[in-house]
Protein backbone atom coordinates (compact mmCIF):
# COMPACT_ATOMS: atom_id res chain seq x y z
CA MET A 1 8.37 -9.85 -15.89
CA LYS A 2 7.83 -13.59 -16.38
CA GLN A 3 8.71 -14.25 -12.75
CA ARG A 4 6.43 -11.46 -11.65
CA ILE A 5 3.47 -12.92 -13.56
CA ILE A 6 4.10 -16.43 -12.26
CA THR A 7 4.23 -15.20 -8.67
CA ALA A 8 1.04 -13.23 -9.15
CA LEU A 9 -0.76 -16.24 -10.68
CA ILE A 10 0.18 -18.31 -7.62
CA LEU A 11 -0.38 -15.62 -5.03
CA ALA A 12 -3.75 -14.29 -6.09
CA PRO A 13 -5.65 -17.61 -5.74
CA LEU A 14 -3.99 -18.28 -2.40
CA VAL A 15 -5.04 -14.87 -1.09
CA ILE A 16 -8.62 -15.33 -2.32
CA ALA A 17 -8.79 -18.85 -0.88
CA GLY A 18 -7.51 -17.55 2.46
CA ILE A 19 -10.11 -14.77 2.57
CA PHE A 20 -13.02 -17.11 1.85
CA LEU A 21 -12.03 -20.51 3.24
CA LEU A 22 -10.02 -20.01 6.42
CA PRO A 23 -12.02 -20.29 9.67
CA PHE A 24 -12.08 -16.99 11.49
CA PRO A 25 -9.40 -17.91 14.14
CA ALA A 26 -7.11 -19.16 11.40
CA PHE A 27 -7.83 -16.03 9.38
CA ILE A 28 -6.76 -13.89 12.32
CA ALA A 29 -3.57 -15.93 12.69
CA ALA A 30 -2.71 -15.73 8.99
CA LEU A 31 -3.34 -12.00 8.92
CA ALA A 32 -1.20 -11.53 12.05
CA VAL A 33 1.69 -13.31 10.30
CA ILE A 34 1.39 -11.05 7.25
CA THR A 35 1.24 -7.99 9.51
CA LEU A 36 4.34 -9.04 11.46
CA LEU A 37 6.18 -9.76 8.20
CA GLY A 38 5.27 -6.21 7.20
CA PHE A 39 6.68 -4.96 10.49
CA TRP A 40 9.86 -7.03 9.90
CA GLU A 41 10.38 -5.19 6.60
CA TRP A 42 9.52 -1.85 8.21
CA THR A 43 12.52 -2.23 10.54
CA GLN A 44 14.68 -1.40 7.52
CA PHE A 45 13.50 2.19 7.85
CA LEU A 46 14.65 2.41 11.47
CA ASP A 47 18.48 2.19 11.08
CA THR A 48 18.50 -0.38 13.86
CA LYS A 49 21.40 -2.71 14.66
CA SER A 50 19.11 -5.65 15.47
CA LYS A 51 15.90 -6.37 13.60
CA TRP A 52 14.93 -8.88 16.25
CA MET A 53 15.14 -6.23 19.00
CA ALA A 54 13.27 -3.79 16.81
CA MET A 55 10.43 -6.31 16.48
CA LEU A 56 9.74 -6.26 20.21
CA VAL A 57 7.66 -3.08 19.98
CA PRO A 58 5.39 -4.16 17.05
CA VAL A 59 4.95 -7.65 18.46
CA ALA A 60 3.96 -6.21 21.83
CA ALA A 61 1.67 -3.64 20.18
CA LEU A 62 -0.13 -6.25 18.05
CA GLY A 63 -0.38 -8.69 20.94
CA GLY A 64 -1.63 -5.89 23.23
CA THR A 65 -4.42 -4.88 20.90
CA LEU A 66 -5.42 -8.55 20.42
CA ALA A 67 -5.63 -8.94 24.21
CA ALA A 68 -7.50 -5.66 24.73
CA MET A 69 -9.90 -5.56 21.79
CA PRO A 70 -12.68 -8.10 21.05
CA THR A 71 -11.92 -10.50 18.24
CA GLU A 72 -15.18 -12.44 18.08
CA PRO A 73 -16.96 -11.84 14.75
CA ALA A 74 -20.10 -10.49 16.43
CA ALA A 75 -18.18 -7.95 18.45
CA LEU A 76 -16.09 -6.91 15.45
CA ALA A 77 -19.20 -6.46 13.33
CA ALA A 78 -20.85 -4.39 16.05
CA LEU A 79 -17.89 -1.95 16.04
CA ALA A 80 -17.04 -1.54 19.70
CA SER A 81 -15.62 1.83 20.68
CA SER A 82 -12.09 0.39 20.59
CA HIS A 83 -12.64 -0.66 16.98
CA GLN A 84 -13.98 2.77 16.06
CA TYR A 85 -10.89 4.41 17.61
CA MET A 86 -8.65 2.10 15.65
CA LEU A 87 -10.35 3.05 12.37
CA LEU A 88 -10.21 6.70 13.28
CA ALA A 89 -6.50 6.42 14.07
CA GLY A 90 -5.96 4.85 10.63
CA GLY A 91 -7.96 7.57 8.88
CA LEU A 92 -6.12 10.38 10.69
CA TRP A 93 -2.75 8.75 10.04
CA TRP A 94 -3.34 8.59 6.30
CA LEU A 95 -4.38 12.25 6.24
CA SER A 96 -1.14 13.06 8.02
CA ALA A 97 0.94 10.73 5.90
CA SER A 98 -0.49 12.30 2.77
CA ALA A 99 0.57 15.72 3.99
CA LEU A 100 4.09 14.41 4.71
CA THR A 101 4.32 12.90 1.24
CA ILE A 102 3.01 15.95 -0.60
CA SER A 103 5.52 18.17 1.25
CA TYR A 104 8.43 15.78 0.71
CA PRO A 105 11.40 16.37 0.97
CA ARG A 106 10.79 19.29 3.32
CA SER A 107 8.76 17.10 5.66
CA THR A 108 11.72 14.74 6.29
CA LYS A 109 13.14 17.26 8.75
CA LEU A 110 10.27 16.40 11.07
CA TRP A 111 10.81 12.62 11.26
CA SER A 112 13.81 11.26 9.32
CA THR A 113 16.18 11.29 12.35
CA SER A 114 13.61 10.08 14.87
CA PRO A 115 13.42 6.28 15.38
CA SER A 116 10.45 6.77 17.71
CA LEU A 117 8.43 8.52 15.04
CA LYS A 118 9.32 5.86 12.50
CA TYR A 119 8.15 3.20 14.94
CA LEU A 120 4.89 5.14 15.41
CA PHE A 121 4.40 5.51 11.65
CA GLY A 122 4.84 1.77 11.23
CA LEU A 123 2.33 1.02 13.93
CA LEU A 124 -0.19 3.47 12.45
CA THR A 125 0.31 1.90 9.02
CA LEU A 126 -0.06 -1.76 9.94
CA LEU A 127 -2.23 -2.01 13.06
CA PRO A 128 -5.30 -0.25 11.54
CA PHE A 129 -4.74 -2.36 8.37
CA PHE A 130 -4.86 -5.55 10.48
CA TRP A 131 -7.97 -4.55 12.37
CA SER A 132 -9.85 -3.11 9.39
CA VAL A 133 -9.52 -6.42 7.54
CA LEU A 134 -10.91 -8.29 10.56
CA MET A 135 -13.80 -5.82 10.90
CA LEU A 136 -14.77 -6.15 7.23
CA ARG A 137 -14.38 -9.94 7.31
CA ALA A 138 -16.69 -10.13 10.35
CA VAL A 139 -19.61 -8.29 8.74
CA GLN A 140 -22.73 -10.56 8.89
CA TYR A 141 -20.42 -13.47 9.72
CA THR A 142 -23.05 -15.34 11.79
CA ASP A 143 -25.79 -15.14 9.16
CA ASN A 144 -23.61 -15.22 6.01
CA PRO A 145 -19.94 -16.24 6.61
CA TYR A 146 -18.95 -15.18 3.08
CA HIS A 147 -20.42 -11.67 3.09
CA GLY A 148 -17.45 -10.10 4.86
CA ALA A 149 -15.05 -12.05 2.64
CA LYS A 150 -16.73 -10.46 -0.36
CA LEU A 151 -16.22 -7.03 1.18
CA VAL A 152 -12.49 -7.66 1.67
CA LEU A 153 -12.25 -9.01 -1.90
CA LEU A 154 -14.10 -5.93 -3.24
CA VAL A 155 -11.48 -3.61 -1.71
CA CYS A 156 -8.66 -5.73 -3.16
CA VAL A 157 -10.27 -5.65 -6.62
CA LEU A 158 -10.84 -1.90 -6.26
CA VAL A 159 -7.15 -1.37 -5.59
CA TRP A 160 -6.06 -3.70 -8.39
CA ALA A 161 -8.39 -1.85 -10.80
CA ALA A 162 -7.04 1.52 -9.63
CA ASP A 163 -3.47 0.38 -10.20
CA THR A 164 -4.28 -0.98 -13.68
CA GLY A 165 -6.25 2.11 -14.71
CA ALA A 166 -3.55 4.41 -13.39
CA TYR A 167 -0.83 2.54 -15.27
CA PHE A 168 -2.47 2.62 -18.66
CA SER A 169 -3.98 6.11 -18.43
CA GLY A 170 -0.77 7.49 -17.02
CA LYS A 171 1.21 5.84 -19.81
CA ARG A 172 -1.14 7.22 -22.49
CA PHE A 173 -2.12 10.63 -21.11
CA GLY A 174 0.22 11.35 -18.18
CA LYS A 175 1.78 14.82 -18.20
CA HIS A 176 1.31 16.38 -14.78
CA LYS A 177 3.45 14.74 -12.09
CA MET A 178 1.63 14.04 -8.83
CA ALA A 179 4.60 13.75 -6.44
CA PRO A 180 7.76 13.85 -8.59
CA ALA A 181 10.15 13.95 -5.66
CA VAL A 182 8.73 10.66 -4.34
CA SER A 183 7.62 8.76 -7.43
CA PRO A 184 8.32 10.43 -10.79
CA ASN A 185 6.13 8.05 -12.75
CA LYS A 186 2.85 8.83 -11.01
CA THR A 187 0.70 11.46 -12.67
CA ILE A 188 -2.58 13.27 -12.06
CA GLU A 189 -3.94 11.79 -15.30
CA GLY A 190 -3.03 8.32 -14.04
CA LEU A 191 -4.84 8.97 -10.77
CA ILE A 192 -7.98 10.08 -12.65
CA GLY A 193 -7.88 7.08 -14.97
CA GLY A 194 -7.39 4.72 -12.03
CA ALA A 195 -10.25 6.32 -10.11
CA LEU A 196 -12.63 6.01 -13.06
CA LEU A 197 -11.84 2.36 -13.62
CA ALA A 198 -11.99 1.61 -9.88
CA VAL A 199 -15.45 3.26 -9.56
CA LEU A 200 -16.78 1.18 -12.47
CA VAL A 201 -15.28 -2.03 -11.08
CA THR A 202 -16.57 -1.26 -7.58
CA TRP A 203 -20.07 -0.62 -8.88
CA GLY A 204 -20.02 -3.81 -10.97
CA GLY A 205 -18.38 -5.79 -8.15
CA ALA A 206 -20.93 -4.63 -5.60
CA PHE A 207 -23.74 -5.71 -7.95
CA VAL A 208 -22.20 -9.13 -8.77
CA LEU A 209 -21.21 -9.88 -5.17
CA ASP A 210 -24.52 -8.50 -3.76
CA ILE A 211 -22.86 -5.97 -1.47
CA PRO A 212 -25.23 -3.20 -0.47
CA PHE A 213 -24.29 0.50 -0.29
CA VAL A 214 -26.45 3.17 1.26
CA SER A 215 -26.76 4.87 -2.17
CA VAL A 216 -24.97 5.25 -5.46
CA GLY A 217 -23.54 8.48 -4.12
CA SER A 218 -22.01 6.75 -1.10
CA LEU A 219 -20.54 4.08 -3.43
CA LEU A 220 -18.94 6.77 -5.59
CA LEU A 221 -17.60 8.63 -2.52
CA ILE A 222 -16.18 5.53 -0.87
CA ALA A 223 -14.60 4.27 -4.11
CA VAL A 224 -12.94 7.62 -5.00
CA VAL A 225 -11.63 8.28 -1.47
CA THR A 226 -10.37 4.70 -1.21
CA VAL A 227 -8.53 5.02 -4.55
CA ILE A 228 -6.86 8.24 -3.37
CA ALA A 229 -5.87 6.50 -0.11
CA SER A 230 -4.46 3.52 -2.00
CA VAL A 231 -2.27 5.82 -4.13
CA MET A 232 -1.07 7.59 -0.99
CA GLY A 233 -0.25 4.22 0.61
CA ASP A 234 2.01 3.41 -2.32
CA LEU A 235 3.60 6.89 -2.23
CA VAL A 236 4.18 6.82 1.52
CA GLU A 237 6.10 3.54 1.35
CA SER A 238 8.05 4.95 -1.62
CA MET A 239 8.94 7.96 0.49
CA PHE A 240 10.25 5.83 3.35
CA LYS A 241 12.21 3.62 0.95
CA ARG A 242 13.69 6.67 -0.75
CA VAL A 243 14.82 8.18 2.56
CA SER A 244 16.29 4.86 3.63
CA GLY A 245 18.02 4.32 0.24
CA ILE A 246 16.41 0.97 -0.56
CA LYS A 247 14.64 -0.20 -3.70
CA ASP A 248 12.37 -2.98 -2.38
CA SER A 249 11.15 -3.63 1.13
CA GLY A 250 12.24 -7.27 0.80
CA ASN A 251 12.62 -10.22 -1.55
CA ILE A 252 10.15 -12.71 -0.13
CA LEU A 253 7.98 -12.56 -3.28
CA PRO A 254 9.98 -13.25 -6.48
CA GLY A 255 9.51 -10.47 -8.98
CA HIS A 256 7.45 -8.42 -6.58
CA GLY A 257 9.83 -7.51 -3.75
CA GLY A 258 8.63 -7.73 -0.17
CA ILE A 259 5.31 -7.99 1.64
CA LEU A 260 5.13 -4.20 2.10
CA ASP A 261 5.68 -3.72 -1.66
CA ARG A 262 2.51 -5.79 -2.30
CA ILE A 263 0.27 -4.49 0.48
CA ASP A 264 1.36 -0.83 0.61
CA SER A 265 -1.77 0.37 -1.22
CA LEU A 266 -3.99 -1.94 0.85
CA THR A 267 -2.59 -0.68 4.16
CA ALA A 268 -4.22 2.62 3.35
CA ALA A 269 -7.22 1.47 1.27
CA LEU A 270 -8.65 -1.03 3.72
CA PRO A 271 -8.74 1.21 6.84
CA VAL A 272 -10.17 4.11 4.84
CA PHE A 273 -12.78 1.88 3.14
CA ALA A 274 -13.74 0.32 6.51
CA LEU A 275 -13.94 3.74 8.17
CA LEU A 276 -16.33 5.03 5.51
CA TYR A 277 -18.36 1.90 4.83
CA LEU A 278 -18.77 0.64 8.41
CA TRP A 279 -18.90 3.81 10.42
CA LEU A 280 -19.11 7.20 8.75
CA VAL A 281 -21.32 6.67 5.67
C-alpha cells in the first residue's frame, strides 16, 4: 500500500502537469506513447510468440489514423466527420464490450480463440481513447488553451470520484454482485455510491473550473453514463486478464501494475464523455 500511495503521489502531479503544460504537438506525442504502451500490454491477451511482431498492427493503426485524420486543434475542436466516426466507434464498442462482460463466461466462446478479434478489441479500446483525449484537449484551444485541459481533468476527477465512492459504498453497503464471474468485489450498491459521488464532484468541478454544460440535466446524464462506462472499462480489462490468466497487465507502475491497469476506466470514460459532451448532447 505504501508503494502504491507513493507512486500515486508522484504520478498524479505529472499527469496534471502534462495535461496543462505540454504544447499540443508534445501532448499528442506523450499520449501516443501512453497508447502504445497500452497496446504493448494488450499483446499479453493475444497468445503471441513475439510481442514486437504483434505491435506492428497497432503501430500501423495509430500511425494511419494520425496520417488520415486532422490533428490541428481547430480541426479537432470542429469535429470533422472522421472524428465523429471515431467517437461513434468508441461508443458502439463499449456497448458491445458491456454485453460481452455481462454475459461472461458464455461470451468467451465468441472471441477467446480468435487473435483477430482480440486485436480488434484492443484497437477499439485504445484508438478512440487516444482521439477522444485530443478532441477534448482541443476545445477552445485558440481562445483559451487551458479550457480543453480542464475538460480532460474533469473526466479524470469524475472517474477517480466514482472509484472512491464505489469502494467505500460497496464496502459499507455492498450486497448485490454486479458481475461476480468477472470481478467478485464489485456491487450494485458500489456502483450507485460511485455514481452519486461522481455526479456531485462533476457538478462542483464544472462550477469551479468554469466548464459549461447545456443544462443541469445534461450534466447529470453525462456524469452517470460516463460513470457506468468507466466501471465497464475496468470490468472489460478484468475479463481479458481473467481469460488470459494474468493478474496485472504489467509492472511499469510500482504498486499499481501496468498502464492498462491505471487507464482501463479512462479508456471507456473519455470516449463516452466526449461522444456525449461534444457531439450528442
